[in-house]
Each structure stands twice: as structure tokens, then as C-alpha cells.
Amino acid sequence: MGLREVKSELKKLDNDTLIKHISELYKKYKPVKEYFDFYVNPDEKKLLEQYKEKVTNGFFPKRGYKIKLSISRKAINDFKKLGTSQESIADLLLHFVECGVELTNTYGDIDENFYTSVENTYGKALEIIDNNGLLEKFKSRALKVVNDTENIGWGFHDYLVELYCEYYD
């Protein structure tokens, strides 16, 4: 069954039945609850802070010591699905990069896959920032990331410098 069929069936239902179904989804599924909570009360600033904490927890877990970038990536993907602004998405992506840099500077070198993930996220953040006319707003944070990687190996710093220079001359 596809979306077309589901829409066709939903059109046959009265408002009370639709509300009942949506209420059940709201109670049973956390992503649905988050979506409707944001829809009803779109406090993007508060939501961004909650998701920044989720991203941070992937790098610096409250329990244990194992880095779980999958938690951070999932948080970013979930945040995007809520229909947030491009500015907030760029902010969250840049936060991911800042966490990666902080982790490396705190604990030492990680591995190539880790750096590739952080580099790709930095590039995506800069692309969104540029496409939405936000270069000036994020300039100091974007530069700080580059400066904070000066002593990191694997060509990480050099690649971030290249990315930065593509957007900021």
C-alpha cells in the first residue's frame, strides 16, 4: 500500500476518527509526538538546544566512553524531519563539527573515518550557510573550527582550511 491509498482511505474518515487516530500515533510513537509538539508550539530555539545536547551525547556520552556518531547523525536527521529552518540545521551541523574537534583535542587522534565524517559535515554546513546567505553570521564559528584543528593530523586541518577558503576569502 502506498501514500495515495492511505490518503484515499483517510479522506473517507470523519474528523473525530482522524483525531482519534492521530492521538493514538501521538501516544505510541515518540517521533510523531515530537513532530506535533513542534507543530503546535514551534519553539525552534529550544528544540535546537535539545538536539545539540543529543549530538553532544554521541561524542561525549553520559555513560560509558564509546563514541557513537550514529546517535549524533540520527539526531541531525530527526531534527531535519521536523521541518526546522536551514539556519538551525546549519547551526546543528556546525555543532557536530565543533564536538568532533573538541573530542580530538581532548583525547587525541581518532581514525580516518571519524575525520571524514566531520569533514563532510563541515562541508555540508558551509554549503547550507552559503546557500541561505548566512556566511557572515557563522563566519567566526567556521573560522574557530579551522583554528582549533591546527595541531590535528591526518590532513584534517588542511582539508578544513580548503573548505573554509571555498566560502570565505
C-alpha atoms as a PDB file:
ATOM      1  CA  MET A   1       0.000   0.000   0.000  1.00  0.00           C
ATOM      2  CA  GLY A   2       1.281   3.474  -0.846  1.00  0.00           C
ATOM      3  CA  LEU A   3       0.626   7.013   0.303  1.00  0.00           C
ATOM      4  CA  ARG A   4      -2.038   7.519  -2.359  1.00  0.00           C
ATOM      5  CA  GLU A   5      -4.095   4.623  -0.990  1.00  0.00           C
ATOM      6  CA  VAL A   6      -3.644   5.782   2.601  1.00  0.00           C
ATOM      7  CA  LYS A   7      -4.781   9.319   1.693  1.00  0.00           C
ATOM      8  CA  SER A   8      -7.800   7.881  -0.104  1.00  0.00           C
ATOM      9  CA  GLU A   9      -8.804   5.905   2.994  1.00  0.00           C
ATOM     10  CA  LEU A  10      -8.194   8.841   5.336  1.00  0.00           C
ATOM     11  CA  LYS A  11     -10.463  11.080   3.244  1.00  0.00           C
ATOM     12  CA  LYS A  12     -13.310   8.683   3.986  1.00  0.00           C
ATOM     13  CA  LEU A  13     -12.971   9.215   7.756  1.00  0.00           C
ATOM     14  CA  ASP A  14     -14.784  11.902   9.762  1.00  0.00           C
ATOM     15  CA  ASN A  15     -12.831  14.443  11.843  1.00  0.00           C
ATOM     16  CA  ASP A  16     -13.386  12.671  15.170  1.00  0.00           C
ATOM     17  CA  THR A  17     -11.995   9.417  13.815  1.00  0.00           C
ATOM     18  CA  LEU A  18      -8.987  11.222  12.316  1.00  0.00           C
ATOM     19  CA  ILE A  19      -8.305  12.951  15.627  1.00  0.00           C
ATOM     20  CA  LYS A  20      -8.573   9.601  17.417  1.00  0.00           C
ATOM     21  CA  HIS A  21      -6.016   8.016  15.053  1.00  0.00           C
ATOM     22  CA  ILE A  22      -3.618  10.948  15.323  1.00  0.00           C
ATOM     23  CA  SER A  23      -3.940  10.909  19.111  1.00  0.00           C
ATOM     24  CA  GLU A  24      -3.046   7.216  19.171  1.00  0.00           C
ATOM     25  CA  LEU A  25       0.006   7.849  16.981  1.00  0.00           C
ATOM     26  CA  TYR A  26       0.980  10.735  19.263  1.00  0.00           C
ATOM     27  CA  LYS A  27       0.853   8.478  22.331  1.00  0.00           C
ATOM     28  CA  LYS A  28       2.649   5.491  20.782  1.00  0.00           C
ATOM     29  CA  TYR A  29       5.457   6.995  18.684  1.00  0.00           C
ATOM     30  CA  LYS A  30       7.997   9.475  20.022  1.00  0.00           C
ATOM     31  CA  PRO A  31       8.853  10.969  16.571  1.00  0.00           C
ATOM     32  CA  VAL A  32       5.151  11.662  15.972  1.00  0.00           C
ATOM     33  CA  LYS A  33       4.902  13.282  19.417  1.00  0.00           C
ATOM     34  CA  GLU A  34       7.950  15.467  18.706  1.00  0.00           C
ATOM     35  CA  TYR A  35       6.567  16.440  15.315  1.00  0.00           C
ATOM     36  CA  PHE A  36       3.182  17.527  16.683  1.00  0.00           C
ATOM     37  CA  ASP A  37       4.701  19.209  19.751  1.00  0.00           C
ATOM     38  CA  PHE A  38       6.839  21.303  17.410  1.00  0.00           C
ATOM     39  CA  TYR A  39       3.893  21.882  15.052  1.00  0.00           C
ATOM     40  CA  VAL A  40       1.695  23.148  17.896  1.00  0.00           C
ATOM     41  CA  ASN A  41       4.447  25.106  19.682  1.00  0.00           C
ATOM     42  CA  PRO A  42       7.221  25.884  17.182  1.00  0.00           C
ATOM     43  CA  ASP A  43       9.946  26.969  19.618  1.00  0.00           C
ATOM     44  CA  GLU A  44      12.844  26.268  17.282  1.00  0.00           C
ATOM     45  CA  LYS A  45      15.459  27.770  19.577  1.00  0.00           C
ATOM     46  CA  LYS A  46      14.530  25.409  22.417  1.00  0.00           C
ATOM     47  CA  LEU A  47      14.330  22.447  20.047  1.00  0.00           C
ATOM     48  CA  LEU A  48      17.768  23.270  18.622  1.00  0.00           C
ATOM     49  CA  GLU A  49      19.278  23.256  22.116  1.00  0.00           C
ATOM     50  CA  GLN A  50      17.699  19.856  22.845  1.00  0.00           C
ATOM     51  CA  TYR A  51      19.132  18.427  19.644  1.00  0.00           C
ATOM     52  CA  LYS A  52      22.556  19.969  20.260  1.00  0.00           C
ATOM     53  CA  GLU A  53      22.581  18.033  23.520  1.00  0.00           C
ATOM     54  CA  LYS A  54      21.731  14.825  21.631  1.00  0.00           C
ATOM     55  CA  VAL A  55      24.575  15.473  19.184  1.00  0.00           C
ATOM     56  CA  THR A  56      26.970  16.151  22.060  1.00  0.00           C
ATOM     57  CA  ASN A  57      25.953  12.871  23.721  1.00  0.00           C
ATOM     58  CA  GLY A  58      27.141  10.955  20.653  1.00  0.00           C
ATOM     59  CA  PHE A  59      30.637  12.362  21.164  1.00  0.00           C
ATOM     60  CA  PHE A  60      30.670  12.620  24.952  1.00  0.00           C
ATOM     61  CA  PRO A  61      28.225  10.003  26.281  1.00  0.00           C
ATOM     62  CA  LYS A  62      26.887  10.492  29.790  1.00  0.00           C
ATOM     63  CA  ARG A  63      27.526   6.797  30.445  1.00  0.00           C
ATOM     64  CA  GLY A  64      30.456   4.872  29.089  1.00  0.00           C
ATOM     65  CA  TYR A  65      33.286   6.105  26.934  1.00  0.00           C
ATOM     66  CA  LYS A  66      32.474   4.822  23.479  1.00  0.00           C
ATOM     67  CA  ILE A  67      31.913   7.443  20.786  1.00  0.00           C
ATOM     68  CA  LYS A  68      28.625   6.816  18.986  1.00  0.00           C
ATOM     69  CA  LEU A  69      28.470   9.072  15.961  1.00  0.00           C
ATOM     70  CA  SER A  70      25.344   7.212  14.880  1.00  0.00           C
ATOM     71  CA  ILE A  71      23.496   8.883  17.771  1.00  0.00           C
ATOM     72  CA  SER A  72      24.685  12.296  16.610  1.00  0.00           C
ATOM     73  CA  ARG A  73      23.825  11.621  12.956  1.00  0.00           C
ATOM     74  CA  LYS A  74      20.380  10.322  13.915  1.00  0.00           C
ATOM     75  CA  ALA A  75      19.742  13.467  15.947  1.00  0.00           C
ATOM     76  CA  ILE A  76      20.609  15.611  12.926  1.00  0.00           C
ATOM     77  CA  ASN A  77      18.361  13.583  10.615  1.00  0.00           C
ATOM     78  CA  ASP A  78      15.479  13.659  13.105  1.00  0.00           C
ATOM     79  CA  PHE A  79      15.905  17.417  13.516  1.00  0.00           C
ATOM     80  CA  LYS A  80      15.696  17.945   9.753  1.00  0.00           C
ATOM     81  CA  LYS A  81      12.484  15.891   9.557  1.00  0.00           C
ATOM     82  CA  LEU A  82      10.736  18.252  11.955  1.00  0.00           C
ATOM     83  CA  GLY A  83      10.703  20.987   9.321  1.00  0.00           C
ATOM     84  CA  THR A  84      13.189  23.286  11.012  1.00  0.00           C
ATOM     85  CA  SER A  85      14.858  26.243   9.298  1.00  0.00           C
ATOM     86  CA  GLN A  86      18.004  25.886   7.215  1.00  0.00           C
ATOM     87  CA  GLU A  87      19.756  28.248   9.631  1.00  0.00           C
ATOM     88  CA  SER A  88      19.074  25.917  12.558  1.00  0.00           C
ATOM     89  CA  ILE A  89      20.125  22.881  10.538  1.00  0.00           C
ATOM     90  CA  ALA A  90      23.414  24.606   9.676  1.00  0.00           C
ATOM     91  CA  ASP A  91      23.857  25.516  13.335  1.00  0.00           C
ATOM     92  CA  LEU A  92      23.354  21.886  14.380  1.00  0.00           C
ATOM     93  CA  LEU A  93      25.749  20.608  11.686  1.00  0.00           C
ATOM     94  CA  LEU A  94      28.386  23.075  12.807  1.00  0.00           C
ATOM     95  CA  HIS A  95      27.833  21.949  16.397  1.00  0.00           C
ATOM     96  CA  PHE A  96      28.549  18.359  15.266  1.00  0.00           C
ATOM     97  CA  VAL A  97      31.859  19.547  13.793  1.00  0.00           C
ATOM     98  CA  GLU A  98      32.725  21.528  16.923  1.00  0.00           C
ATOM     99  CA  CYS A  99      32.110  18.417  19.044  1.00  0.00           C
ATOM    100  CA  GLY A 100      34.352  16.361  16.756  1.00  0.00           C
ATOM    101  CA  VAL A 101      37.147  18.896  17.032  1.00  0.00           C
ATOM    102  CA  GLU A 102      36.746  19.147  20.810  1.00  0.00           C
ATOM    103  CA  LEU A 103      36.842  15.365  21.156  1.00  0.00           C
ATOM    104  CA  THR A 104      40.057  15.135  19.158  1.00  0.00           C
ATOM    105  CA  ASN A 105      41.710  17.971  21.042  1.00  0.00           C
ATOM    106  CA  THR A 106      40.681  16.388  24.363  1.00  0.00           C
ATOM    107  CA  TYR A 107      41.556  12.746  23.724  1.00  0.00           C
ATOM    108  CA  GLY A 108      43.961  12.746  20.777  1.00  0.00           C
ATOM    109  CA  ASP A 109      43.803  11.330  17.265  1.00  0.00           C
ATOM    110  CA  ILE A 110      40.853   9.186  16.261  1.00  0.00           C
ATOM    111  CA  ASP A 111      40.740   7.482  12.847  1.00  0.00           C
ATOM    112  CA  GLU A 112      40.307   8.406   9.211  1.00  0.00           C
ATOM    113  CA  ASN A 113      36.596   7.527   9.070  1.00  0.00           C
ATOM    114  CA  PHE A 114      35.937   9.827  12.006  1.00  0.00           C
ATOM    115  CA  TYR A 115      37.720  12.731  10.334  1.00  0.00           C
ATOM    116  CA  THR A 116      35.990  12.077   7.009  1.00  0.00           C
ATOM    117  CA  SER A 117      32.611  12.235   8.744  1.00  0.00           C
ATOM    118  CA  VAL A 118      33.462  15.532  10.443  1.00  0.00           C
ATOM    119  CA  GLU A 119      34.904  16.981   7.211  1.00  0.00           C
ATOM    120  CA  ASN A 120      31.799  16.041   5.227  1.00  0.00           C
ATOM    121  CA  THR A 121      29.556  17.582   7.858  1.00  0.00           C
ATOM    122  CA  TYR A 122      31.615  20.790   7.858  1.00  0.00           C
ATOM    123  CA  GLY A 123      31.312  20.972   4.066  1.00  0.00           C
ATOM    124  CA  LYS A 124      27.539  20.422   4.235  1.00  0.00           C
ATOM    125  CA  ALA A 125      27.174  23.068   6.944  1.00  0.00           C
ATOM    126  CA  LEU A 126      29.124  25.613   4.890  1.00  0.00           C
ATOM    127  CA  GLU A 127      27.073  24.788   1.801  1.00  0.00           C
ATOM    128  CA  ILE A 128      23.792  25.400   3.664  1.00  0.00           C
ATOM    129  CA  ILE A 129      25.206  28.552   5.245  1.00  0.00           C
ATOM    130  CA  ASP A 130      26.235  29.897   1.846  1.00  0.00           C
ATOM    131  CA  ASN A 131      23.006  28.916   0.069  1.00  0.00           C
ATOM    132  CA  ASN A 132      20.972  30.756   2.689  1.00  0.00           C
ATOM    133  CA  GLY A 133      23.025  33.955   2.834  1.00  0.00           C
ATOM    134  CA  LEU A 134      24.313  33.253   6.339  1.00  0.00           C
ATOM    135  CA  LEU A 135      28.073  33.411   5.750  1.00  0.00           C
ATOM    136  CA  GLU A 136      28.615  36.486   7.903  1.00  0.00           C
ATOM    137  CA  LYS A 137      26.511  35.112  10.754  1.00  0.00           C
ATOM    138  CA  PHE A 138      28.544  31.884  11.011  1.00  0.00           C
ATOM    139  CA  LYS A 139      31.949  33.243   9.994  1.00  0.00           C
ATOM    140  CA  SER A 140      33.549  33.349  13.447  1.00  0.00           C
ATOM    141  CA  ARG A 141      32.386  29.820  14.358  1.00  0.00           C
ATOM    142  CA  ALA A 142      33.501  28.435  10.995  1.00  0.00           C
ATOM    143  CA  LEU A 143      36.937  30.031  11.439  1.00  0.00           C
ATOM    144  CA  LYS A 144      37.245  28.863  15.054  1.00  0.00           C
ATOM    145  CA  VAL A 145      36.745  25.268  13.886  1.00  0.00           C
ATOM    146  CA  VAL A 146      39.637  25.665  11.460  1.00  0.00           C
ATOM    147  CA  ASN A 147      41.867  27.329  14.054  1.00  0.00           C
ATOM    148  CA  ASP A 148      41.073  24.653  16.649  1.00  0.00           C
ATOM    149  CA  THR A 149      42.259  21.906  14.279  1.00  0.00           C
ATOM    150  CA  GLU A 150      45.721  23.360  13.707  1.00  0.00           C
ATOM    151  CA  ASN A 151      47.516  20.572  15.594  1.00  0.00           C
ATOM    152  CA  ILE A 152      45.387  17.674  14.329  1.00  0.00           C
ATOM    153  CA  GLY A 153      46.933  15.276  11.825  1.00  0.00           C
ATOM    154  CA  TRP A 154      45.554  13.083   9.011  1.00  0.00           C
ATOM    155  CA  GLY A 155      45.313  16.158   6.746  1.00  0.00           C
ATOM    156  CA  PHE A 156      42.228  17.110   8.723  1.00  0.00           C
ATOM    157  CA  HIS A 157      43.262  20.714   9.341  1.00  0.00           C
ATOM    158  CA  ASP A 158      44.407  21.189   5.744  1.00  0.00           C
ATOM    159  CA  TYR A 159      41.097  19.945   4.346  1.00  0.00           C
ATOM    160  CA  LEU A 160      39.054  22.173   6.667  1.00  0.00           C
ATOM    161  CA  VAL A 161      41.185  25.145   5.591  1.00  0.00           C
ATOM    162  CA  GLU A 162      40.382  24.302   1.951  1.00  0.00           C
ATOM    163  CA  LEU A 163      36.660  24.092   2.701  1.00  0.00           C
ATOM    164  CA  TYR A 164      36.726  27.340   4.654  1.00  0.00           C
ATOM    165  CA  CYS A 165      38.549  29.139   1.852  1.00  0.00           C
ATOM    166  CA  GLU A 166      35.957  27.948  -0.695  1.00  0.00           C
ATOM    167  CA  TYR A 167      33.335  30.008   1.117  1.00  0.00           C
ATOM    168  CA  TYR A 168      35.326  32.723   2.892  1.00  0.00           C
ATOM    169  CA  ASP A 169      38.090  34.643   1.082  1.00  0.00           C
END
